[in-house]
C-alpha atoms as a PDB file:
ATOM      1  CA  UNK A   1       3.977  -9.173  15.189  1.00  0.00           C
ATOM      2  CA  UNK A   2       4.133  -6.629  18.398  1.00  0.00           C
ATOM      3  CA  UNK A   3       5.229  -2.708  16.362  1.00  0.00           C
ATOM      4  CA  UNK A   4       6.909  -0.257  18.067  1.00  0.00           C
ATOM      5  CA  UNK A   5       8.359   2.589  17.499  1.00  0.00           C
ATOM      6  CA  UNK A   6      11.623   1.518  17.337  1.00  0.00           C
ATOM      7  CA  UNK A   7      10.845  -0.032  14.087  1.00  0.00           C
ATOM      8  CA  UNK A   8       9.753   1.963  12.600  1.00  0.00           C
ATOM      9  CA  UNK A   9      13.335   4.574  13.136  1.00  0.00           C
ATOM     10  CA  UNK A  10      14.261   3.923   9.640  1.00  0.00           C
ATOM     11  CA  UNK A  11      11.258   6.075   8.074  1.00  0.00           C
ATOM     12  CA  UNK A  12      11.446   9.552   7.267  1.00  0.00           C
ATOM     13  CA  UNK A  13       9.221  10.119   9.851  1.00  0.00           C
ATOM     14  CA  UNK A  14       8.243   7.738  12.764  1.00  0.00           C
ATOM     15  CA  UNK A  15       4.419   7.089  12.935  1.00  0.00           C
ATOM     16  CA  UNK A  16       4.657   6.095  16.562  1.00  0.00           C
ATOM     17  CA  UNK A  17       5.486   8.967  17.553  1.00  0.00           C
ATOM     18  CA  UNK A  18       4.115  10.367  21.125  1.00  0.00           C
ATOM     19  CA  UNK A  19       3.647  13.731  19.755  1.00  0.00           C
ATOM     20  CA  UNK A  20       0.823  15.025  17.395  1.00  0.00           C
ATOM     21  CA  UNK A  21       2.483  13.610  13.965  1.00  0.00           C
ATOM     22  CA  UNK A  22       2.774  17.464  12.781  1.00  0.00           C
ATOM     23  CA  UNK A  23       4.138  18.806  16.336  1.00  0.00           C
ATOM     24  CA  UNK A  24       7.164  16.154  16.119  1.00  0.00           C
ATOM     25  CA  UNK A  25       7.814  16.863  12.090  1.00  0.00           C
ATOM     26  CA  UNK A  26       6.367  20.048  11.222  1.00  0.00           C
ATOM     27  CA  UNK A  27       8.028  18.993   7.642  1.00  0.00           C
ATOM     28  CA  UNK A  28       5.376  17.183   6.613  1.00  0.00           C
ATOM     29  CA  UNK A  29       3.305  20.630   7.452  1.00  0.00           C
ATOM     30  CA  UNK A  30       4.308  20.868   3.636  1.00  0.00           C
ATOM     31  CA  UNK A  31       2.361  18.347   1.950  1.00  0.00           C
ATOM     32  CA  UNK A  32      -0.933  19.298   3.615  1.00  0.00           C
ATOM     33  CA  UNK A  33      -3.387  21.245   2.418  1.00  0.00           C
ATOM     34  CA  UNK A  34      -5.360  23.071   4.731  1.00  0.00           C
ATOM     35  CA  UNK A  35      -9.253  21.239   3.591  1.00  0.00           C
ATOM     36  CA  UNK A  36      -7.570  17.957   4.821  1.00  0.00           C
ATOM     37  CA  UNK A  37      -7.323  19.720   8.372  1.00  0.00           C
ATOM     38  CA  UNK A  38      -9.703  17.171  10.159  1.00  0.00           C
ATOM     39  CA  UNK A  39     -10.347  14.833  13.415  1.00  0.00           C
ATOM     40  CA  UNK A  40      -8.600  12.013  11.296  1.00  0.00           C
ATOM     41  CA  UNK A  41      -5.642  13.689   9.695  1.00  0.00           C
ATOM     42  CA  UNK A  42      -2.973  12.649  12.391  1.00  0.00           C
ATOM     43  CA  UNK A  43      -4.063   9.097  12.142  1.00  0.00           C
ATOM     44  CA  UNK A  44      -4.129   9.311   7.958  1.00  0.00           C
ATOM     45  CA  UNK A  45      -0.455  10.432   7.978  1.00  0.00           C
ATOM     46  CA  UNK A  46       0.443   7.479  10.305  1.00  0.00           C
ATOM     47  CA  UNK A  47      -1.617   5.511   7.986  1.00  0.00           C
ATOM     48  CA  UNK A  48       0.348   6.721   5.160  1.00  0.00           C
ATOM     49  CA  UNK A  49       3.750   6.540   6.448  1.00  0.00           C
ATOM     50  CA  UNK A  50       3.532   2.790   7.256  1.00  0.00           C
ATOM     51  CA  UNK A  51       1.850   1.658   4.400  1.00  0.00           C
ATOM     52  CA  UNK A  52       3.841   3.814   1.868  1.00  0.00           C
ATOM     53  CA  UNK A  53       7.695   4.811   2.778  1.00  0.00           C
ATOM     54  CA  UNK A  54       9.552   2.038   1.646  1.00  0.00           C
ATOM     55  CA  UNK A  55      12.036   1.869   4.659  1.00  0.00           C
ATOM     56  CA  UNK A  56       8.391   0.987   6.390  1.00  0.00           C
ATOM     57  CA  UNK A  57       8.393  -1.956   8.728  1.00  0.00           C
ATOM     58  CA  UNK A  58       5.785  -2.970   7.882  1.00  0.00           C
ATOM     59  CA  UNK A  59       6.864  -3.046   4.146  1.00  0.00           C
ATOM     60  CA  UNK A  60       9.071  -5.774   4.164  1.00  0.00           C
ATOM     61  CA  UNK A  61       6.922  -8.347   7.078  1.00  0.00           C
ATOM     62  CA  UNK A  62       3.971  -7.761   5.530  1.00  0.00           C
ATOM     63  CA  UNK A  63       3.740  -8.565   1.673  1.00  0.00           C
ATOM     64  CA  UNK A  64       0.201  -8.999   1.507  1.00  0.00           C
ATOM     65  CA  UNK A  65      -0.438  -5.278   0.668  1.00  0.00           C
ATOM     66  CA  UNK A  66      -4.255  -5.384   2.488  1.00  0.00           C
ATOM     67  CA  UNK A  67      -2.898  -6.874   5.615  1.00  0.00           C
ATOM     68  CA  UNK A  68      -0.348  -4.061   5.321  1.00  0.00           C
ATOM     69  CA  UNK A  69      -3.320  -1.867   5.441  1.00  0.00           C
ATOM     70  CA  UNK A  70      -4.901  -3.578   8.620  1.00  0.00           C
ATOM     71  CA  UNK A  71      -1.752  -3.120  10.598  1.00  0.00           C
ATOM     72  CA  UNK A  72      -1.218   0.307   9.683  1.00  0.00           C
ATOM     73  CA  UNK A  73      -5.127   1.121  10.037  1.00  0.00           C
ATOM     74  CA  UNK A  74      -4.702  -0.337  13.569  1.00  0.00           C
ATOM     75  CA  UNK A  75      -1.315   0.719  14.603  1.00  0.00           C
ATOM     76  CA  UNK A  76      -2.898   4.550  13.584  1.00  0.00           C
ATOM     77  CA  UNK A  77      -5.587   4.374  16.061  1.00  0.00           C
ATOM     78  CA  UNK A  78      -7.990   4.356  13.148  1.00  0.00           C
ATOM     79  CA  UNK A  79     -11.397   2.925  15.041  1.00  0.00           C
ATOM     80  CA  UNK A  80     -14.040   4.010  12.415  1.00  0.00           C
ATOM     81  CA  UNK A  81     -14.487   1.360  10.330  1.00  0.00           C
ATOM     82  CA  UNK A  82     -16.025   3.178   7.447  1.00  0.00           C
ATOM     83  CA  UNK A  83     -12.834   5.657   7.703  1.00  0.00           C
ATOM     84  CA  UNK A  84     -10.405   2.657   7.852  1.00  0.00           C
ATOM     85  CA  UNK A  85     -12.715   0.874   5.143  1.00  0.00           C
ATOM     86  CA  UNK A  86     -12.297   4.672   2.699  1.00  0.00           C
ATOM     87  CA  UNK A  87      -8.563   4.547   3.307  1.00  0.00           C
ATOM     88  CA  UNK A  88      -8.154   0.722   2.801  1.00  0.00           C
ATOM     89  CA  UNK A  89     -10.123   1.231  -0.653  1.00  0.00           C
ATOM     90  CA  UNK A  90      -8.614   4.473  -2.153  1.00  0.00           C
ATOM     91  CA  UNK A  91     -11.974   6.286  -1.711  1.00  0.00           C
ATOM     92  CA  UNK A  92     -10.685   7.894   1.353  1.00  0.00           C
ATOM     93  CA  UNK A  93     -11.470  12.448   0.645  1.00  0.00           C
ATOM     94  CA  UNK A  94      -8.365  13.069   0.135  1.00  0.00           C
ATOM     95  CA  UNK A  95      -5.924  10.485   1.228  1.00  0.00           C
ATOM     96  CA  UNK A  96      -4.854   9.465  -2.373  1.00  0.00           C
ATOM     97  CA  UNK A  97      -3.429  13.182  -3.067  1.00  0.00           C
ATOM     98  CA  UNK A  98      -1.835  12.815   0.073  1.00  0.00           C
ATOM     99  CA  UNK A  99       0.004   9.847  -0.776  1.00  0.00           C
ATOM    100  CA  UNK A 100       0.862  10.966  -3.696  1.00  0.00           C
ATOM    101  CA  UNK A 101       2.326  14.641  -2.080  1.00  0.00           C
ATOM    102  CA  UNK A 102       4.295  11.654   0.558  1.00  0.00           C
ATOM    103  CA  UNK A 103       5.808   9.826  -2.146  1.00  0.00           C
ATOM    104  CA  UNK A 104       7.179  12.486  -4.776  1.00  0.00           C
ATOM    105  CA  UNK A 105       8.019  14.946  -1.457  1.00  0.00           C
ATOM    106  CA  UNK A 106       9.640  12.837   1.118  1.00  0.00           C
ATOM    107  CA  UNK A 107      10.151   9.100  -0.804  1.00  0.00           C
ATOM    108  CA  UNK A 108      11.475  10.557  -4.168  1.00  0.00           C
ATOM    109  CA  UNK A 109      11.558   7.903  -6.277  1.00  0.00           C
ATOM    110  CA  UNK A 110       9.827   7.345  -9.185  1.00  0.00           C
ATOM    111  CA  UNK A 111      10.716   4.152  -9.424  1.00  0.00           C
ATOM    112  CA  UNK A 112       8.986   3.117  -5.400  1.00  0.00           C
ATOM    113  CA  UNK A 113       5.803   5.160  -6.349  1.00  0.00           C
ATOM    114  CA  UNK A 114       5.376   2.815  -9.692  1.00  0.00           C
ATOM    115  CA  UNK A 115       5.394  -0.336  -6.700  1.00  0.00           C
ATOM    116  CA  UNK A 116       3.248   1.421  -4.501  1.00  0.00           C
ATOM    117  CA  UNK A 117       0.744   2.140  -7.819  1.00  0.00           C
ATOM    118  CA  UNK A 118       1.640  -1.323  -9.478  1.00  0.00           C
ATOM    119  CA  UNK A 119       1.329  -3.448  -6.376  1.00  0.00           C
ATOM    120  CA  UNK A 120      -2.045  -1.870  -5.660  1.00  0.00           C
ATOM    121  CA  UNK A 121      -3.527  -2.425  -9.406  1.00  0.00           C
ATOM    122  CA  UNK A 122      -2.785  -5.933  -9.317  1.00  0.00           C
ATOM    123  CA  UNK A 123      -4.609  -6.879  -6.347  1.00  0.00           C
ATOM    124  CA  UNK A 124      -7.438  -4.996  -7.877  1.00  0.00           C
ATOM    125  CA  UNK A 125      -7.447  -6.458 -10.983  1.00  0.00           C
ATOM    126  CA  UNK A 126      -6.334 -10.214  -8.775  1.00  0.00           C
ATOM    127  CA  UNK A 127     -10.398  -9.413  -7.443  1.00  0.00           C
ATOM    128  CA  UNK A 128     -11.241  -9.111 -10.683  1.00  0.00           C
ATOM    129  CA  UNK A 129      -9.992 -11.963 -11.880  1.00  0.00           C
ATOM    130  CA  UNK A 130     -11.291 -14.412  -9.318  1.00  0.00           C
ATOM    131  CA  UNK A 131     -14.897 -13.625  -8.774  1.00  0.00           C
ATOM    132  CA  UNK A 132     -17.011 -15.249 -11.165  1.00  0.00           C
ATOM    133  CA  UNK A 133     -17.348 -14.669 -14.127  1.00  0.00           C
ATOM    134  CA  UNK A 134     -21.369 -13.306 -14.392  1.00  0.00           C
ATOM    135  CA  UNK A 135     -23.956 -12.296 -16.627  1.00  0.00           C
ATOM    136  CA  UNK A 136     -27.280 -12.482 -18.243  1.00  0.00           C
ATOM    137  CA  UNK A 137     -27.409 -13.789 -21.450  1.00  0.00           C
ATOM    138  CA  UNK A 138     -24.230 -15.720 -23.316  1.00  0.00           C
ATOM    139  CA  UNK A 139     -22.750 -12.127 -25.239  1.00  0.00           C
ATOM    140  CA  UNK A 140     -22.933 -10.946 -21.290  1.00  0.00           C
ATOM    141  CA  UNK A 141     -20.813 -13.960 -20.446  1.00  0.00           C
ATOM    142  CA  UNK A 142     -18.419 -13.992 -23.329  1.00  0.00           C
ATOM    143  CA  UNK A 143     -17.339 -10.064 -22.806  1.00  0.00           C
ATOM    144  CA  UNK A 144     -16.997 -11.287 -19.197  1.00  0.00           C
ATOM    145  CA  UNK A 145     -14.748 -14.082 -20.284  1.00  0.00           C
ATOM    146  CA  UNK A 146     -13.520 -12.219 -22.931  1.00  0.00           C
ATOM    147  CA  UNK A 147     -12.268  -8.879 -20.173  1.00  0.00           C
ATOM    148  CA  UNK A 148     -10.740 -11.364 -17.223  1.00  0.00           C
ATOM    149  CA  UNK A 149      -8.416 -12.720 -20.103  1.00  0.00           C
ATOM    150  CA  UNK A 150      -7.327  -9.752 -20.933  1.00  0.00           C
ATOM    151  CA  UNK A 151      -7.102  -8.916 -16.960  1.00  0.00           C
ATOM    152  CA  UNK A 152      -4.539 -12.172 -16.851  1.00  0.00           C
ATOM    153  CA  UNK A 153      -2.436 -10.657 -19.440  1.00  0.00           C
ATOM    154  CA  UNK A 154      -1.700  -7.482 -17.479  1.00  0.00           C
ATOM    155  CA  UNK A 155      -1.152  -9.678 -14.372  1.00  0.00           C
ATOM    156  CA  UNK A 156       1.469 -10.778 -16.633  1.00  0.00           C
ATOM    157  CA  UNK A 157       2.933  -8.131 -17.445  1.00  0.00           C
ATOM    158  CA  UNK A 158       2.292  -6.561 -13.949  1.00  0.00           C
ATOM    159  CA  UNK A 159       4.427  -9.414 -12.475  1.00  0.00           C
ATOM    160  CA  UNK A 160       7.467  -7.856 -14.754  1.00  0.00           C
ATOM    161  CA  UNK A 161       6.773  -4.701 -14.504  1.00  0.00           C
ATOM    162  CA  UNK A 162       6.744  -5.034 -10.515  1.00  0.00           C
ATOM    163  CA  UNK A 163      10.546  -7.126 -11.178  1.00  0.00           C
ATOM    164  CA  UNK A 164      11.973  -4.619 -13.009  1.00  0.00           C
ATOM    165  CA  UNK A 165      11.059  -1.576 -10.870  1.00  0.00           C
ATOM    166  CA  UNK A 166      12.016  -4.247  -7.766  1.00  0.00           C
ATOM    167  CA  UNK A 167      15.282  -4.003  -9.462  1.00  0.00           C
ATOM    168  CA  UNK A 168      15.448  -0.489 -10.597  1.00  0.00           C
ATOM    169  CA  UNK A 169      14.542   0.640  -7.020  1.00  0.00           C
ATOM    170  CA  UNK A 170      17.134  -1.801  -5.360  1.00  0.00           C
ATOM    171  CA  UNK A 171      19.604  -1.067  -7.289  1.00  0.00           C
ATOM    172  CA  UNK A 172      20.029  -5.176  -8.227  1.00  0.00           C
ATOM    173  CA  UNK A 173      21.129  -6.013  -4.994  1.00  0.00           C
ATOM    174  CA  UNK A 174      19.066  -9.253  -5.247  1.00  0.00           C
ATOM    175  CA  UNK A 175      19.384 -10.567  -1.608  1.00  0.00           C
ATOM    176  CA  UNK A 176      17.668  -7.357  -0.739  1.00  0.00           C
ATOM    177  CA  UNK A 177      15.496  -7.408  -3.378  1.00  0.00           C
ATOM    178  CA  UNK A 178      14.226 -11.089  -2.507  1.00  0.00           C
ATOM    179  CA  UNK A 179      13.422 -10.005   0.871  1.00  0.00           C
ATOM    180  CA  UNK A 180      11.858  -7.100  -0.101  1.00  0.00           C
ATOM    181  CA  UNK A 181       9.460  -9.144  -2.412  1.00  0.00           C
ATOM    182  CA  UNK A 182       8.913 -12.337  -0.821  1.00  0.00           C
ATOM    183  CA  UNK A 183       5.658 -13.293  -1.503  1.00  0.00           C
ATOM    184  CA  UNK A 184       2.596 -15.307   0.694  1.00  0.00           C
ATOM    185  CA  UNK A 185       3.040 -19.260   0.800  1.00  0.00           C
ATOM    186  CA  UNK A 186       1.243 -21.520   2.332  1.00  0.00           C
ATOM    187  CA  UNK A 187       3.939 -22.263   4.750  1.00  0.00           C
ATOM    188  CA  UNK A 188       4.584 -18.239   5.451  1.00  0.00           C
ATOM    189  CA  UNK A 189       0.443 -18.504   6.283  1.00  0.00           C
ATOM    190  CA  UNK A 190       0.242 -20.965   8.162  1.00  0.00           C
ATOM    191  CA  UNK A 191       2.721 -19.272  10.590  1.00  0.00           C
ATOM    192  CA  UNK A 192       0.666 -16.186  10.696  1.00  0.00           C
ATOM    193  CA  UNK A 193      -2.015 -18.573  12.766  1.00  0.00           C
END
């Protein structure tokens, strides 16, 4: 799907504005630490709005968090691969703190902040479970199996937590809720190819 500026009109700040984002929306400077001002700040802010603003069209249209991050990175103009990877894996120097500040100051919803955090954690857990059991000896392999078992239990709990948070966030509006948390199905994956 090709995204245009008008698609992000419902966001708190339109990340596809033609201007520098801080020039277009000076209120964003309220969450900026002076130490974060670097050549990437404009792109990082655009990326954060696209991925974490609850009214971003990417939230509804791109349910796969990692895919959504990739699209947001492209739309934000992030061409440096190591920079993009650090954003996608939340290892970028200041992005995590900036995300938290954005959620606190502008999204203003504890439920939405929790949804963002749980979804990220959920996919990290899925990755851990998918990786093969490893260990040099039977004791290490057993520990790996036990770790995976604990993670699988947490995954089930996270699904329930996410469902409850979506219900709260969308005010029990089942239609809106279902649209927002559409899961990837084989049919949807086939449509994207």
